[in-house]
Amino acid sequence: MELNLNRGNVFWVNLDSTKGAEIAKPRPCVLVGATPINRARRTVVVVPLSTGGKPRPPLAVPVLCLERNVIAVCDQIRAVDKTRLVKAAGILSSDDLEAIDEGLRQVLAV
């Protein structure tokens, strides 16, 4: 099955197994890596989305996904093997993706 691995696409991702305070369980995640890299590598870089908690930019950025207001947890950015991608779940708007980008810039101090 060929996956559409464009930056900004959202997938359900199986994040188990984890340790400590890492976000666990299957949940939607947005692809934040560059599209050519997403296609070339066996891993993709994602930011998990959560319905819990309150927006607290830059760590937790509010976005709209799956017709719900959710939180992009920018300080939980991680690389995952493509085998963890369960199914496609949508595409973020360019405004929401830019808000995540700004959160990531602040979290990564770039």
Protein backbone atom coordinates (compact mmCIF):
# COMPACT_ATOMS: atom_id res chain seq x y z
CA MET A 1 0.00 0.00 0.00
CA GLU A 2 1.44 3.38 -1.05
CA LEU A 3 1.07 6.01 1.66
CA ASN A 4 0.62 9.72 0.97
CA LEU A 5 3.47 11.00 3.13
CA ASN A 6 3.16 14.72 2.50
CA ARG A 7 4.12 17.18 5.20
CA GLY A 8 0.94 18.20 7.05
CA ASN A 9 -0.85 14.89 6.54
CA VAL A 10 -2.28 13.28 9.65
CA PHE A 11 -2.09 9.55 10.39
CA TRP A 12 -3.23 7.36 13.23
CA VAL A 13 0.09 6.18 14.68
CA ASN A 14 0.70 3.41 17.18
CA LEU A 15 3.03 5.14 19.66
CA ASP A 16 3.32 2.15 22.04
CA SER A 17 5.66 1.16 23.62
CA THR A 18 6.82 4.17 25.53
CA LYS A 19 8.55 5.08 28.77
CA GLY A 20 7.83 7.63 31.47
CA ALA A 21 6.05 10.79 30.32
CA GLU A 22 6.13 9.99 26.57
CA ILE A 23 2.75 10.14 24.83
CA ALA A 24 1.46 6.60 24.39
CA LYS A 25 -1.28 4.60 22.62
CA PRO A 26 -2.54 4.94 19.06
CA ARG A 27 -3.35 8.55 18.29
CA PRO A 28 -3.40 10.96 15.38
CA CYS A 29 -0.04 12.52 14.55
CA VAL A 30 0.88 15.13 11.96
CA LEU A 31 3.85 14.60 9.65
CA VAL A 32 6.21 17.54 10.12
CA GLY A 33 9.24 16.35 8.18
CA ALA A 34 9.92 17.46 4.61
CA THR A 35 7.90 15.47 2.06
CA PRO A 36 10.95 14.22 0.07
CA ILE A 37 12.54 12.93 3.29
CA ASN A 38 9.25 11.31 4.37
CA ARG A 39 9.23 9.37 1.11
CA ALA A 40 12.93 8.46 1.08
CA ARG A 41 13.46 7.30 4.68
CA ARG A 42 11.97 4.38 6.59
CA THR A 43 11.00 6.78 9.38
CA VAL A 44 8.91 9.94 9.52
CA VAL A 45 8.98 12.79 12.02
CA VAL A 46 5.63 13.41 13.72
CA VAL A 47 3.98 15.60 16.33
CA PRO A 48 1.27 13.80 18.33
CA LEU A 49 -2.21 15.28 18.64
CA SER A 50 -4.24 15.11 21.85
CA THR A 51 -7.75 15.98 22.99
CA GLY A 52 -6.59 16.34 26.60
CA GLY A 53 -5.06 19.37 28.17
CA LYS A 54 -5.24 23.05 27.38
CA PRO A 55 -3.48 24.97 24.63
CA ARG A 56 -0.21 26.34 25.99
CA PRO A 57 1.84 27.58 23.03
CA PRO A 58 4.55 26.88 22.11
CA LEU A 59 4.40 23.44 23.78
CA ALA A 60 0.73 22.68 23.11
CA VAL A 61 -0.68 24.36 20.00
CA PRO A 62 -4.42 24.32 19.18
CA VAL A 63 -5.32 22.92 15.73
CA LEU A 64 -8.37 21.50 13.96
CA CYS A 65 -8.16 17.81 13.02
CA LEU A 66 -10.82 15.20 12.33
CA GLU A 67 -13.41 17.98 12.74
CA ARG A 68 -12.32 18.47 16.37
CA ASN A 69 -10.29 21.04 18.23
CA VAL A 70 -7.17 19.23 19.38
CA ILE A 71 -3.73 20.05 20.73
CA ALA A 72 -0.49 19.48 18.80
CA VAL A 73 2.02 18.53 21.50
CA CYS A 74 5.14 20.12 20.01
CA ASP A 75 7.53 19.08 22.77
CA GLN A 76 6.72 15.40 22.06
CA ILE A 77 8.11 15.46 18.49
CA ARG A 78 9.50 12.06 17.50
CA ALA A 79 10.69 9.92 14.63
CA VAL A 80 8.65 6.77 14.08
CA ASP A 81 9.08 3.85 11.74
CA LYS A 82 6.53 3.88 8.90
CA THR A 83 5.21 0.53 10.13
CA ARG A 84 3.68 2.46 13.06
CA LEU A 85 1.40 4.40 10.65
CA VAL A 86 -2.00 2.69 11.00
CA LYS A 87 -4.23 4.71 8.66
CA ALA A 88 -4.61 8.15 7.11
CA ALA A 89 -6.68 10.61 9.13
CA GLY A 90 -6.69 13.86 7.15
CA ILE A 91 -4.64 16.92 6.36
CA LEU A 92 -4.02 19.99 8.51
CA SER A 93 -4.71 23.44 7.12
CA SER A 94 -1.71 25.53 6.15
CA ASP A 95 -2.51 27.92 9.04
CA ASP A 96 -2.52 25.07 11.56
CA LEU A 97 0.71 23.65 10.13
CA GLU A 98 2.33 27.09 10.40
CA ALA A 99 1.22 27.31 14.06
CA ILE A 100 2.89 23.94 14.71
CA ASP A 101 6.01 25.12 12.86
CA GLU A 102 6.20 28.16 15.14
CA GLY A 103 5.79 25.94 18.20
CA LEU A 104 8.55 23.65 16.96
CA ARG A 105 10.87 26.60 16.29
CA GLN A 106 10.44 27.73 19.88
CA VAL A 107 10.74 24.24 21.37
CA LEU A 108 13.89 23.54 19.34
CA ALA A 109 15.25 27.09 19.80
CA VAL A 110 15.85 27.65 16.07
